[in-house]
Amino acid sequence: MDDSIPVLGVNSDPTQAVEVEEFSEEFDATSTGYLCAATVNIFELMLDNILEDCTVPSKLSRMSICVISKLLSTYALNDVLIAHPCPATVSRFSFRISKDGHPCSDLVNCRSSSLRVSTAAGSTAAMLSAGGFGISILSKDLQYLMRESILLGAANSSLLHGVVKSDESMDNVWYCKERLIYIDGSHVVYSIQHGDTIELSSSATVLKVFLPNPLLS
């Protein structure tokens, strides 16, 4: 999906927090409708405001993923997780931050269970649960986090969780026989092999979305 047509999310099941707590054993939602600006009750009003140009869409940054210099066809709206199919397996990889094709950080060698990188939209989801922090919804920065890292030196510890600015990229080299790239969950998956290079950046085409007012305040 490109930026030619804006998206309006409609939460068809706007369950209240009190209801979730009361019926916790029965409630089994896989999505919170975080980016939905409308519900069934206000859909008609929201649509009228859009058609009358009273409401304008916001531009959400997405993540582009290049594997061995080849751009993947899927952009990540929320996050990317690179890991072994078995979560108990340790991954070995190195990374550095680059700008305009030149390195602007030290090379960091890692051993961890996985690497998670999120956009601003995804920073309040799995990234936040894993120990990350929220980023302003309209930011173009990416956030990265090494999960369950085995520290190889105190000098590297501060680089295991950080931010990739909008004009930078994160360049990774993986030293594992088999790893997978999970994009926005577990449904879109790409395989990578030993020695593959992966470049992550926010250079992807933006997604125009009508956002709920609380996210913009």
N, C-alpha and C. Protein backbone atom coordinates (compact mmCIF):
# COMPACT_ATOMS: atom_id res chain seq x y z
N MET A 1 0.84 -1.19 0.00
CA MET A 1 0.00 0.00 0.00
C MET A 1 0.88 1.24 0.00
N ASP A 2 0.58 2.20 -0.91
CA ASP A 2 1.38 3.42 -0.97
C ASP A 2 0.67 4.56 -0.25
N ASP A 3 1.11 5.80 -0.52
CA ASP A 3 0.54 6.94 0.20
C ASP A 3 -0.52 7.67 -0.62
N SER A 4 -1.03 7.05 -1.68
CA SER A 4 -1.99 7.74 -2.55
C SER A 4 -3.40 7.77 -1.96
N ILE A 5 -3.74 6.77 -1.15
CA ILE A 5 -5.08 6.71 -0.57
C ILE A 5 -4.96 6.64 0.95
N PRO A 6 -5.52 7.62 1.67
CA PRO A 6 -5.46 7.58 3.14
C PRO A 6 -6.35 6.48 3.71
N VAL A 7 -5.97 6.01 4.89
CA VAL A 7 -6.67 4.89 5.53
C VAL A 7 -7.43 5.39 6.75
N LEU A 8 -8.66 4.91 6.89
CA LEU A 8 -9.45 5.18 8.09
C LEU A 8 -9.70 3.86 8.80
N GLY A 9 -9.20 3.75 10.02
CA GLY A 9 -9.41 2.54 10.80
C GLY A 9 -10.69 2.64 11.61
N VAL A 10 -11.52 1.60 11.54
CA VAL A 10 -12.78 1.57 12.29
C VAL A 10 -12.72 0.43 13.29
N ASN A 11 -12.78 0.77 14.56
CA ASN A 11 -12.76 -0.24 15.62
C ASN A 11 -14.17 -0.81 15.76
N SER A 12 -14.37 -2.01 15.27
CA SER A 12 -15.70 -2.62 15.29
C SER A 12 -16.04 -3.23 16.65
N ASP A 13 -15.05 -3.29 17.55
CA ASP A 13 -15.29 -3.85 18.89
C ASP A 13 -14.59 -2.98 19.94
N PRO A 14 -15.08 -1.75 20.12
CA PRO A 14 -14.42 -0.84 21.09
C PRO A 14 -14.73 -1.22 22.53
N THR A 15 -14.22 -2.38 22.96
CA THR A 15 -14.47 -2.87 24.31
C THR A 15 -13.82 -1.95 25.33
N GLN A 16 -14.55 -1.62 26.38
CA GLN A 16 -14.05 -0.75 27.42
C GLN A 16 -13.13 -1.51 28.37
N ALA A 17 -12.22 -0.79 28.99
CA ALA A 17 -11.26 -1.42 29.90
C ALA A 17 -11.96 -2.15 31.05
N VAL A 18 -13.05 -1.57 31.55
CA VAL A 18 -13.80 -2.19 32.64
C VAL A 18 -14.36 -3.54 32.20
N GLU A 19 -14.83 -3.61 30.97
CA GLU A 19 -15.37 -4.87 30.44
C GLU A 19 -14.28 -5.92 30.30
N VAL A 20 -13.11 -5.49 29.85
CA VAL A 20 -11.99 -6.42 29.70
C VAL A 20 -11.62 -7.04 31.04
N GLU A 21 -11.59 -6.21 32.09
CA GLU A 21 -11.24 -6.71 33.42
C GLU A 21 -12.31 -7.66 33.95
N GLU A 22 -13.58 -7.31 33.72
CA GLU A 22 -14.68 -8.12 34.24
C GLU A 22 -14.78 -9.47 33.55
N PHE A 23 -14.51 -9.47 32.22
CA PHE A 23 -14.63 -10.71 31.45
C PHE A 23 -13.27 -11.18 30.95
N SER A 24 -12.25 -11.06 31.79
CA SER A 24 -10.88 -11.35 31.37
C SER A 24 -10.71 -12.78 30.87
N GLU A 25 -11.45 -13.73 31.44
CA GLU A 25 -11.30 -15.12 31.03
C GLU A 25 -11.91 -15.38 29.66
N GLU A 26 -12.87 -14.53 29.26
CA GLU A 26 -13.54 -14.72 27.98
C GLU A 26 -12.97 -13.81 26.90
N PHE A 27 -12.36 -12.71 27.32
CA PHE A 27 -11.89 -11.70 26.37
C PHE A 27 -10.61 -12.17 25.71
N ASP A 28 -10.59 -12.20 24.39
CA ASP A 28 -9.43 -12.73 23.65
C ASP A 28 -9.15 -11.85 22.44
N ALA A 29 -8.83 -10.58 22.67
CA ALA A 29 -8.57 -9.66 21.56
C ALA A 29 -7.12 -9.76 21.13
N THR A 30 -6.87 -9.71 19.83
CA THR A 30 -5.50 -9.71 19.32
C THR A 30 -5.08 -8.32 18.88
N SER A 31 -5.98 -7.35 18.94
CA SER A 31 -5.67 -5.99 18.54
C SER A 31 -6.43 -5.02 19.44
N THR A 32 -5.80 -3.89 19.74
CA THR A 32 -6.45 -2.89 20.59
C THR A 32 -7.09 -1.76 19.80
N GLY A 33 -6.93 -1.77 18.48
CA GLY A 33 -7.48 -0.68 17.68
C GLY A 33 -6.78 0.63 17.94
N TYR A 34 -5.49 0.56 18.21
CA TYR A 34 -4.72 1.74 18.63
C TYR A 34 -4.76 2.86 17.61
N LEU A 35 -4.74 2.54 16.33
CA LEU A 35 -4.70 3.55 15.28
C LEU A 35 -6.08 3.85 14.69
N CYS A 36 -7.12 3.28 15.27
CA CYS A 36 -8.47 3.49 14.74
C CYS A 36 -9.03 4.83 15.21
N ALA A 37 -9.48 5.64 14.26
CA ALA A 37 -10.04 6.95 14.59
C ALA A 37 -11.55 6.91 14.73
N ALA A 38 -12.18 5.83 14.31
CA ALA A 38 -13.64 5.76 14.33
C ALA A 38 -14.11 4.46 14.96
N THR A 39 -15.33 4.50 15.46
CA THR A 39 -16.04 3.31 15.89
C THR A 39 -17.32 3.23 15.06
N VAL A 40 -18.06 2.16 15.25
CA VAL A 40 -19.32 2.02 14.51
C VAL A 40 -20.25 3.19 14.79
N ASN A 41 -20.24 3.68 16.03
CA ASN A 41 -21.17 4.74 16.43
C ASN A 41 -20.87 6.08 15.78
N ILE A 42 -19.60 6.37 15.51
CA ILE A 42 -19.25 7.69 14.96
C ILE A 42 -18.71 7.60 13.54
N PHE A 43 -18.84 6.43 12.92
CA PHE A 43 -18.28 6.25 11.58
C PHE A 43 -18.86 7.24 10.58
N GLU A 44 -20.18 7.41 10.58
CA GLU A 44 -20.82 8.30 9.61
C GLU A 44 -20.35 9.74 9.80
N LEU A 45 -20.27 10.19 11.05
CA LEU A 45 -19.80 11.54 11.33
C LEU A 45 -18.35 11.71 10.89
N MET A 46 -17.53 10.72 11.17
CA MET A 46 -16.13 10.78 10.78
C MET A 46 -15.98 10.85 9.27
N LEU A 47 -16.78 10.06 8.57
CA LEU A 47 -16.72 10.05 7.10
C LEU A 47 -17.15 11.39 6.53
N ASP A 48 -18.17 12.00 7.10
CA ASP A 48 -18.62 13.33 6.65
C ASP A 48 -17.51 14.36 6.84
N ASN A 49 -16.84 14.31 7.98
CA ASN A 49 -15.75 15.25 8.24
C ASN A 49 -14.61 15.08 7.24
N ILE A 50 -14.34 13.84 6.86
CA ILE A 50 -13.28 13.58 5.89
C ILE A 50 -13.66 14.12 4.52
N LEU A 51 -14.89 13.85 4.10
CA LEU A 51 -15.35 14.29 2.77
C LEU A 51 -15.44 15.81 2.68
N GLU A 52 -15.67 16.46 3.82
CA GLU A 52 -15.76 17.92 3.84
C GLU A 52 -14.42 18.57 4.17
N ASP A 53 -13.36 17.77 4.19
CA ASP A 53 -12.00 18.24 4.48
C ASP A 53 -11.87 18.89 5.85
N CYS A 54 -12.71 18.48 6.78
CA CYS A 54 -12.60 18.97 8.15
C CYS A 54 -11.58 18.15 8.95
N THR A 55 -11.27 16.99 8.44
CA THR A 55 -10.28 16.11 9.07
C THR A 55 -9.24 15.71 8.03
N VAL A 56 -7.98 15.83 8.39
CA VAL A 56 -6.92 15.50 7.43
C VAL A 56 -6.11 14.31 7.96
N PRO A 57 -5.57 13.50 7.05
CA PRO A 57 -4.78 12.34 7.49
C PRO A 57 -3.38 12.74 7.96
N SER A 58 -2.82 11.91 8.81
CA SER A 58 -1.45 12.08 9.26
C SER A 58 -0.54 11.14 8.47
N LYS A 59 0.74 11.46 8.45
CA LYS A 59 1.70 10.63 7.73
C LYS A 59 2.50 9.80 8.73
N LEU A 60 2.26 8.49 8.68
CA LEU A 60 2.98 7.58 9.57
C LEU A 60 4.20 7.01 8.86
N SER A 61 5.32 7.06 9.55
CA SER A 61 6.56 6.51 9.01
C SER A 61 6.50 4.98 9.02
N ARG A 62 7.05 4.37 7.97
CA ARG A 62 7.18 2.92 7.91
C ARG A 62 8.65 2.54 7.71
N MET A 63 8.95 1.30 7.96
CA MET A 63 10.33 0.82 7.90
C MET A 63 10.58 0.04 6.62
N SER A 64 11.65 0.39 5.92
CA SER A 64 12.06 -0.39 4.75
C SER A 64 13.11 -1.40 5.17
N ILE A 65 13.09 -2.55 4.52
CA ILE A 65 14.00 -3.65 4.85
C ILE A 65 14.70 -4.11 3.59
N CYS A 66 16.01 -4.01 3.56
CA CYS A 66 16.80 -4.49 2.43
C CYS A 66 17.64 -5.69 2.88
N VAL A 67 17.52 -6.80 2.17
CA VAL A 67 18.31 -7.99 2.45
C VAL A 67 19.26 -8.22 1.28
N ILE A 68 20.54 -8.20 1.56
CA ILE A 68 21.59 -8.29 0.53
C ILE A 68 21.32 -7.24 -0.55
N SER A 69 21.05 -6.03 -0.12
CA SER A 69 20.82 -4.86 -1.00
C SER A 69 19.54 -4.96 -1.83
N LYS A 70 18.68 -5.93 -1.55
CA LYS A 70 17.41 -6.06 -2.26
C LYS A 70 16.27 -5.64 -1.35
N LEU A 71 15.48 -4.67 -1.81
CA LEU A 71 14.38 -4.14 -1.01
C LEU A 71 13.23 -5.14 -0.95
N LEU A 72 12.80 -5.49 0.26
CA LEU A 72 11.65 -6.37 0.40
C LEU A 72 10.38 -5.62 0.02
N SER A 73 9.41 -6.35 -0.48
CA SER A 73 8.18 -5.72 -0.97
C SER A 73 7.26 -5.26 0.16
N THR A 74 7.51 -5.74 1.37
CA THR A 74 6.66 -5.39 2.51
C THR A 74 7.35 -4.36 3.40
N TYR A 75 6.64 -3.28 3.70
CA TYR A 75 7.13 -2.29 4.66
C TYR A 75 6.53 -2.60 6.03
N ALA A 76 7.28 -2.31 7.08
CA ALA A 76 6.79 -2.54 8.44
C ALA A 76 6.16 -1.27 8.98
N LEU A 77 4.91 -1.37 9.40
CA LEU A 77 4.24 -0.24 10.03
C LEU A 77 4.56 -0.18 11.51
N ASN A 78 4.69 -1.34 12.14
CA ASN A 78 4.93 -1.40 13.58
C ASN A 78 6.36 -1.83 13.93
N ASP A 79 6.72 -3.04 13.57
CA ASP A 79 8.05 -3.50 13.98
C ASP A 79 8.53 -4.69 13.16
N VAL A 80 9.80 -4.97 13.36
CA VAL A 80 10.47 -6.11 12.74
C VAL A 80 11.16 -6.89 13.86
N LEU A 81 11.01 -8.20 13.82
CA LEU A 81 11.71 -9.07 14.76
C LEU A 81 12.55 -10.06 13.95
N ILE A 82 13.85 -10.10 14.23
CA ILE A 82 14.74 -11.03 13.54
C ILE A 82 15.21 -12.05 14.57
N ALA A 83 14.91 -13.31 14.33
CA ALA A 83 15.20 -14.34 15.33
C ALA A 83 15.22 -15.72 14.69
N HIS A 84 15.66 -16.70 15.47
CA HIS A 84 15.58 -18.10 15.06
C HIS A 84 14.14 -18.59 15.27
N PRO A 85 13.67 -19.54 14.46
CA PRO A 85 12.32 -20.07 14.66
C PRO A 85 12.10 -20.62 16.07
N CYS A 86 13.18 -21.12 16.70
CA CYS A 86 13.10 -21.58 18.08
C CYS A 86 13.56 -20.45 19.00
N PRO A 87 12.70 -19.92 19.87
CA PRO A 87 13.06 -18.76 20.69
C PRO A 87 14.17 -19.02 21.69
N ALA A 88 14.52 -20.30 21.93
CA ALA A 88 15.58 -20.62 22.89
C ALA A 88 16.97 -20.57 22.26
N THR A 89 17.04 -20.39 20.95
CA THR A 89 18.32 -20.40 20.24
C THR A 89 18.95 -19.01 20.23
N VAL A 90 20.25 -18.95 20.53
CA VAL A 90 20.98 -17.68 20.54
C VAL A 90 21.37 -17.29 19.12
N SER A 91 21.26 -16.00 18.82
CA SER A 91 21.65 -15.47 17.51
C SER A 91 22.94 -14.68 17.63
N ARG A 92 23.78 -14.77 16.61
CA ARG A 92 25.02 -14.01 16.54
C ARG A 92 24.95 -13.06 15.35
N PHE A 93 25.18 -11.78 15.61
CA PHE A 93 25.15 -10.79 14.54
C PHE A 93 25.91 -9.55 14.96
N SER A 94 26.21 -8.72 14.00
CA SER A 94 26.86 -7.44 14.28
C SER A 94 26.06 -6.33 13.62
N PHE A 95 26.19 -5.13 14.16
CA PHE A 95 25.47 -4.00 13.55
C PHE A 95 26.22 -2.70 13.79
N ARG A 96 25.89 -1.73 12.98
CA ARG A 96 26.36 -0.36 13.18
C ARG A 96 25.33 0.58 12.56
N ILE A 97 25.35 1.81 12.99
CA ILE A 97 24.47 2.84 12.44
C ILE A 97 25.24 3.59 11.37
N SER A 98 24.59 3.84 10.22
CA SER A 98 25.23 4.53 9.11
C SER A 98 24.40 5.74 8.68
N LYS A 99 25.09 6.68 8.04
CA LYS A 99 24.43 7.86 7.51
C LYS A 99 25.08 8.21 6.18
N ASP A 100 24.26 8.34 5.15
CA ASP A 100 24.75 8.65 3.80
C ASP A 100 25.80 7.64 3.34
N GLY A 101 25.61 6.38 3.72
CA GLY A 101 26.53 5.34 3.28
C GLY A 101 27.81 5.23 4.08
N HIS A 102 27.94 6.04 5.13
CA HIS A 102 29.16 6.02 5.94
C HIS A 102 28.81 5.68 7.39
N PRO A 103 29.62 4.86 8.06
CA PRO A 103 29.34 4.49 9.45
C PRO A 103 29.43 5.70 10.37
N CYS A 104 28.48 5.80 11.30
CA CYS A 104 28.52 6.88 12.29
C CYS A 104 28.44 6.33 13.72
N SER A 105 28.69 5.03 13.85
CA SER A 105 28.79 4.41 15.18
C SER A 105 29.80 3.27 15.10
N ASP A 106 30.23 2.81 16.26
CA ASP A 106 31.14 1.67 16.30
C ASP A 106 30.40 0.40 15.86
N LEU A 107 31.16 -0.58 15.41
CA LEU A 107 30.59 -1.89 15.09
C LEU A 107 30.35 -2.63 16.41
N VAL A 108 29.14 -3.11 16.58
CA VAL A 108 28.77 -3.83 17.81
C VAL A 108 28.52 -5.29 17.48
N ASN A 109 29.21 -6.19 18.16
CA ASN A 109 29.01 -7.63 17.99
C ASN A 109 28.08 -8.14 19.08
N CYS A 110 27.05 -8.86 18.67
CA CYS A 110 26.00 -9.25 19.61
C CYS A 110 25.77 -10.75 19.65
N ARG A 111 25.36 -11.19 20.82
CA ARG A 111 24.79 -12.53 20.99
C ARG A 111 23.53 -12.33 21.81
N SER A 112 22.39 -12.62 21.22
CA SER A 112 21.13 -12.41 21.93
C SER A 112 20.07 -13.32 21.33
N SER A 113 18.90 -13.33 21.95
CA SER A 113 17.83 -14.18 21.45
C SER A 113 17.25 -13.64 20.16
N SER A 114 17.28 -12.30 20.00
CA SER A 114 16.71 -11.71 18.79
C SER A 114 16.98 -10.21 18.76
N LEU A 115 16.64 -9.61 17.65
CA LEU A 115 16.72 -8.16 17.47
C LEU A 115 15.33 -7.66 17.11
N ARG A 116 14.85 -6.66 17.86
CA ARG A 116 13.58 -6.03 17.53
C ARG A 116 13.83 -4.57 17.17
N VAL A 117 13.22 -4.13 16.07
CA VAL A 117 13.31 -2.74 15.64
C VAL A 117 11.89 -2.26 15.37
N SER A 118 11.53 -1.09 15.91
CA SER A 118 10.17 -0.61 15.76
C SER A 118 10.13 0.80 15.20
N THR A 119 9.02 1.12 14.57
CA THR A 119 8.72 2.48 14.15
C THR A 119 8.11 3.22 15.33
N ALA A 120 7.77 4.49 15.12
CA ALA A 120 7.08 5.24 16.17
C ALA A 120 5.73 4.61 16.49
N ALA A 121 5.02 4.18 15.45
CA ALA A 121 3.70 3.58 15.66
C ALA A 121 3.80 2.28 16.45
N GLY A 122 4.90 1.56 16.30
CA GLY A 122 5.07 0.29 16.99
C GLY A 122 5.78 0.40 18.33
N SER A 123 6.20 1.60 18.69
CA SER A 123 7.00 1.75 19.91
C SER A 123 6.19 1.53 21.19
N THR A 124 4.86 1.61 21.10
CA THR A 124 4.03 1.41 22.29
C THR A 124 3.44 0.00 22.35
N ALA A 125 3.87 -0.87 21.44
CA ALA A 125 3.35 -2.23 21.40
C ALA A 125 4.38 -3.20 22.01
N ALA A 126 4.84 -4.18 21.23
CA ALA A 126 5.78 -5.18 21.75
C ALA A 126 7.08 -4.54 22.23
N MET A 127 7.52 -3.49 21.56
CA MET A 127 8.76 -2.83 21.96
C MET A 127 8.67 -2.30 23.38
N LEU A 128 7.56 -1.68 23.71
CA LEU A 128 7.37 -1.14 25.06
C LEU A 128 7.33 -2.27 26.09
N SER A 129 6.66 -3.36 25.75
CA SER A 129 6.57 -4.50 26.66
C SER A 129 7.94 -5.13 26.90
N ALA A 130 8.83 -5.04 25.90
CA ALA A 130 10.16 -5.65 26.01
C ALA A 130 11.16 -4.76 26.73
N GLY A 131 10.73 -3.56 27.15
CA GLY A 131 11.63 -2.67 27.86
C GLY A 131 12.00 -1.41 27.11
N GLY A 132 11.38 -1.18 25.96
CA GLY A 132 11.65 0.03 25.19
C GLY A 132 10.85 1.21 25.71
N PHE A 133 10.79 2.26 24.92
CA PHE A 133 10.06 3.47 25.33
C PHE A 133 9.20 3.95 24.18
N GLY A 134 8.15 4.68 24.52
CA GLY A 134 7.26 5.22 23.51
C GLY A 134 7.89 6.39 22.77
N ILE A 135 7.58 6.50 21.49
CA ILE A 135 8.06 7.60 20.65
C ILE A 135 6.84 8.32 20.08
N SER A 136 6.94 9.62 19.92
CA SER A 136 5.85 10.41 19.34
C SER A 136 5.37 9.78 18.04
N ILE A 137 4.07 9.64 17.88
CA ILE A 137 3.48 8.89 16.78
C ILE A 137 3.91 9.39 15.41
N LEU A 138 4.22 10.66 15.27
CA LEU A 138 4.59 11.22 13.97
C LEU A 138 6.11 11.27 13.74
N SER A 139 6.87 10.74 14.68
CA SER A 139 8.33 10.72 14.52
C SER A 139 8.73 9.75 13.41
N LYS A 140 9.84 10.04 12.76
CA LYS A 140 10.39 9.15 11.73
C LYS A 140 11.55 8.31 12.25
N ASP A 141 11.84 8.44 13.54
CA ASP A 141 12.93 7.67 14.13
C ASP A 141 12.52 6.20 14.32
N LEU A 142 13.51 5.33 14.31
CA LEU A 142 13.32 3.92 14.64
C LEU A 142 13.96 3.65 16.00
N GLN A 143 13.46 2.65 16.68
CA GLN A 143 14.03 2.24 17.97
C GLN A 143 14.44 0.77 17.87
N TYR A 144 15.62 0.43 18.37
CA TYR A 144 16.07 -0.96 18.31
C TYR A 144 16.39 -1.48 19.71
N LEU A 145 16.28 -2.79 19.87
CA LEU A 145 16.52 -3.42 21.16
C LEU A 145 17.01 -4.85 20.96
N MET A 146 18.16 -5.16 21.56
CA MET A 146 18.65 -6.54 21.57
C MET A 146 17.95 -7.25 22.73
N ARG A 147 17.28 -8.34 22.45
CA ARG A 147 16.53 -9.04 23.48
C ARG A 147 17.38 -10.13 24.13
N GLU A 148 17.39 -10.13 25.46
CA GLU A 148 18.16 -11.11 26.25
C GLU A 148 19.60 -11.20 25.75
N SER A 149 20.30 -10.08 25.81
CA SER A 149 21.66 -10.02 25.27
C SER A 149 22.68 -10.64 26.21
N ILE A 150 23.71 -11.24 25.60
CA ILE A 150 24.89 -11.69 26.34
C ILE A 150 25.96 -10.64 26.12
N LEU A 151 26.24 -9.84 27.13
CA LEU A 151 27.16 -8.72 26.98
C LEU A 151 28.58 -9.21 26.72
N LEU A 152 29.21 -8.61 25.72
CA LEU A 152 30.59 -8.96 25.37
C LEU A 152 31.56 -7.87 25.80
N GLY A 153 31.10 -6.97 26.63
CA GLY A 153 31.96 -5.89 27.10
C GLY A 153 31.12 -4.71 27.53
N ALA A 154 31.58 -4.01 28.57
CA ALA A 154 30.82 -2.88 29.10
C ALA A 154 30.66 -1.78 28.07
N ALA A 155 31.63 -1.66 27.16
CA ALA A 155 31.58 -0.59 26.16
C ALA A 155 30.40 -0.76 25.22
N ASN A 156 29.96 -2.01 25.03
CA ASN A 156 28.87 -2.27 24.11
C ASN A 156 27.49 -2.14 24.74
N SER A 157 27.41 -2.16 26.07
CA SER A 157 26.12 -2.24 26.75
C SER A 157 25.20 -1.07 26.41
N SER A 158 25.75 0.12 26.27
CA SER A 158 24.92 1.29 25.99
C SER A 158 24.40 1.30 24.56
N LEU A 159 24.94 0.44 23.70
CA LEU A 159 24.54 0.42 22.30
C LEU A 159 23.52 -0.68 22.00
N LEU A 160 23.13 -1.44 23.01
CA LEU A 160 22.20 -2.55 22.79
C LEU A 160 20.75 -2.09 22.70
N HIS A 161 20.49 -0.85 23.02
CA HIS A 161 19.14 -0.28 22.93
C HIS A 161 19.30 1.19 22.57
N GLY A 162 18.72 1.59 21.45
CA GLY A 162 18.89 2.97 21.03
C GLY A 162 17.95 3.37 19.91
N VAL A 163 18.28 4.49 19.29
CA VAL A 163 17.43 5.10 18.26
C VAL A 163 18.22 5.26 16.97
N VAL A 164 17.54 4.99 15.87
CA VAL A 164 18.09 5.25 14.53
C VAL A 164 17.35 6.46 13.98
N LYS A 165 18.05 7.55 13.76
CA LYS A 165 17.41 8.78 13.29
C LYS A 165 16.87 8.61 11.87
N SER A 166 16.01 9.56 11.48
CA SER A 166 15.32 9.46 10.19
C SER A 166 16.26 9.49 9.00
N ASP A 167 17.45 10.08 9.16
CA ASP A 167 18.41 10.14 8.06
C ASP A 167 19.52 9.10 8.21
N GLU A 168 19.30 8.12 9.07
CA GLU A 168 20.28 7.06 9.31
C GLU A 168 19.69 5.70 8.95
N SER A 169 20.54 4.69 8.95
CA SER A 169 20.10 3.31 8.74
C SER A 169 20.84 2.41 9.72
N MET A 170 20.25 1.26 9.97
CA MET A 170 20.88 0.26 10.83
C MET A 170 21.32 -0.90 9.95
N ASP A 171 22.62 -1.15 9.90
CA ASP A 171 23.18 -2.17 9.02
C ASP A 171 23.59 -3.39 9.86
N ASN A 172 23.01 -4.53 9.53
CA ASN A 172 23.25 -5.76 10.29
C ASN A 172 23.89 -6.83 9.41
N VAL A 173 24.74 -7.66 10.01
CA VAL A 173 25.26 -8.86 9.36
C VAL A 173 24.99 -10.03 10.30
N TRP A 174 24.35 -11.07 9.77
CA TRP A 174 23.96 -12.21 10.60
C TRP A 174 24.88 -13.40 10.36
N TYR A 175 25.29 -14.05 11.46
CA TYR A 175 26.22 -15.17 11.39
C TYR A 175 25.55 -16.45 11.90
N CYS A 176 24.41 -16.75 11.32
CA CYS A 176 23.64 -17.92 11.73
C CYS A 176 23.15 -18.64 10.48
N LYS A 177 22.98 -19.95 10.59
CA LYS A 177 22.55 -20.73 9.44
C LYS A 177 21.11 -20.42 9.04
N GLU A 178 20.28 -20.21 10.02
CA GLU A 178 18.86 -20.01 9.73
C GLU A 178 18.26 -18.98 10.67
N ARG A 179 17.72 -17.92 10.09
CA ARG A 179 17.00 -16.92 10.88
C ARG A 179 15.82 -16.42 10.05
N LEU A 180 14.85 -15.83 10.74
CA LEU A 180 13.65 -15.33 10.07
C LEU A 180 13.43 -13.87 10.41
N ILE A 181 12.89 -13.13 9.44
CA ILE A 181 12.47 -11.75 9.66
C ILE A 181 10.95 -11.74 9.75
N TYR A 182 10.44 -11.39 10.93
CA TYR A 182 9.00 -11.30 11.13
C TYR A 182 8.59 -9.83 11.01
N ILE A 183 7.65 -9.54 10.13
CA ILE A 183 7.23 -8.16 9.89
C ILE A 183 5.81 -7.96 10.41
N ASP A 184 5.66 -7.06 11.38
CA ASP A 184 4.35 -6.75 11.97
C ASP A 184 3.62 -8.01 12.43
N GLY A 185 4.29 -8.81 13.22
CA GLY A 185 3.67 -10.03 13.71
C GLY A 185 4.26 -11.26 13.05
N SER A 186 3.49 -12.33 13.02
CA SER A 186 4.01 -13.62 12.56
C SER A 186 3.51 -14.04 11.18
N HIS A 187 2.68 -13.21 10.54
CA HIS A 187 2.08 -13.63 9.27
C HIS A 187 2.99 -13.38 8.06
N VAL A 188 3.79 -12.32 8.10
CA VAL A 188 4.70 -12.00 6.99
C VAL A 188 6.12 -12.33 7.44
N VAL A 189 6.72 -13.33 6.80
CA VAL A 189 8.02 -13.84 7.24
C VAL A 189 8.96 -14.01 6.04
N TYR A 190 10.21 -13.60 6.22
CA TYR A 190 11.25 -13.79 5.21
C TYR A 190 12.41 -14.54 5.85
N SER A 191 13.07 -15.39 5.08
CA SER A 191 14.21 -16.16 5.57
C SER A 191 15.52 -15.45 5.24
N ILE A 192 16.50 -15.56 6.13
CA ILE A 192 17.85 -15.06 5.87
C ILE A 192 18.83 -16.17 6.21
N GLN A 193 20.04 -16.08 5.64
CA GLN A 193 21.05 -17.11 5.81
C GLN A 193 22.34 -16.50 6.37
N HIS A 194 23.28 -17.37 6.68
CA HIS A 194 24.57 -16.95 7.23
C HIS A 194 25.24 -15.94 6.30
N GLY A 195 25.67 -14.81 6.88
CA GLY A 195 26.38 -13.79 6.13
C GLY A 195 25.50 -12.77 5.45
N ASP A 196 24.19 -12.93 5.52
CA ASP A 196 23.29 -11.96 4.89
C ASP A 196 23.37 -10.61 5.59
N THR A 197 23.33 -9.55 4.79
CA THR A 197 23.30 -8.20 5.32
C THR A 197 21.87 -7.67 5.27
N ILE A 198 21.48 -6.96 6.32
CA ILE A 198 20.13 -6.42 6.42
C ILE A 198 20.24 -4.94 6.76
N GLU A 199 19.60 -4.12 5.94
CA GLU A 199 19.58 -2.68 6.19
C GLU A 199 18.16 -2.26 6.55
N LEU A 200 18.02 -1.61 7.70
CA LEU A 200 16.73 -1.14 8.18
C LEU A 200 16.75 0.38 8.27
N SER A 201 15.73 1.03 7.74
CA SER A 201 15.66 2.49 7.79
C SER A 201 14.20 2.93 7.68
N SER A 202 13.97 4.21 7.89
CA SER A 202 12.61 4.77 7.78
C SER A 202 12.41 5.44 6.44
N SER A 203 13.10 4.97 5.42
CA SER A 203 13.01 5.57 4.08
C SER A 203 11.82 5.05 3.28
N ALA A 204 11.02 4.17 3.86
CA ALA A 204 9.86 3.62 3.15
C ALA A 204 8.82 4.70 2.90
N THR A 205 7.96 4.46 1.93
CA THR A 205 6.84 5.36 1.67
C THR A 205 5.96 5.46 2.91
N VAL A 206 5.55 6.68 3.25
CA VAL A 206 4.71 6.86 4.43
C VAL A 206 3.32 6.29 4.18
N LEU A 207 2.60 6.07 5.26
CA LEU A 207 1.21 5.63 5.18
C LEU A 207 0.34 6.75 5.73
N LYS A 208 -0.61 7.21 4.92
CA LYS A 208 -1.52 8.26 5.37
C LYS A 208 -2.69 7.63 6.12
N VAL A 209 -2.86 8.05 7.37
CA VAL A 209 -3.87 7.46 8.24
C VAL A 209 -4.60 8.56 9.00
N PHE A 210 -5.92 8.42 9.10
CA PHE A 210 -6.70 9.30 9.96
C PHE A 210 -6.57 8.76 11.39
N LEU A 211 -5.91 9.52 12.24
CA LEU A 211 -5.61 9.06 13.59
C LEU A 211 -6.60 9.59 14.61
N PRO A 212 -6.81 8.86 15.70
CA PRO A 212 -7.67 9.37 16.78
C PRO A 212 -7.01 10.58 17.44
N ASN A 213 -7.82 11.53 17.86
CA ASN A 213 -7.31 12.78 18.42
C ASN A 213 -6.36 12.59 19.61
N PRO A 214 -6.60 11.63 20.52
CA PRO A 214 -5.68 11.47 21.65
C PRO A 214 -4.23 11.21 21.24
N LEU A 215 -4.03 10.57 20.10
CA LEU A 215 -2.66 10.30 19.65
C LEU A 215 -1.96 11.55 19.15
N LEU A 216 -2.73 12.54 18.76
CA LEU A 216 -2.15 13.75 18.18
C LEU A 216 -2.00 14.87 19.20
N SER A 217 -2.58 14.69 20.38
CA SER A 217 -2.54 15.76 21.38
C SER A 217 -1.24 15.70 22.19
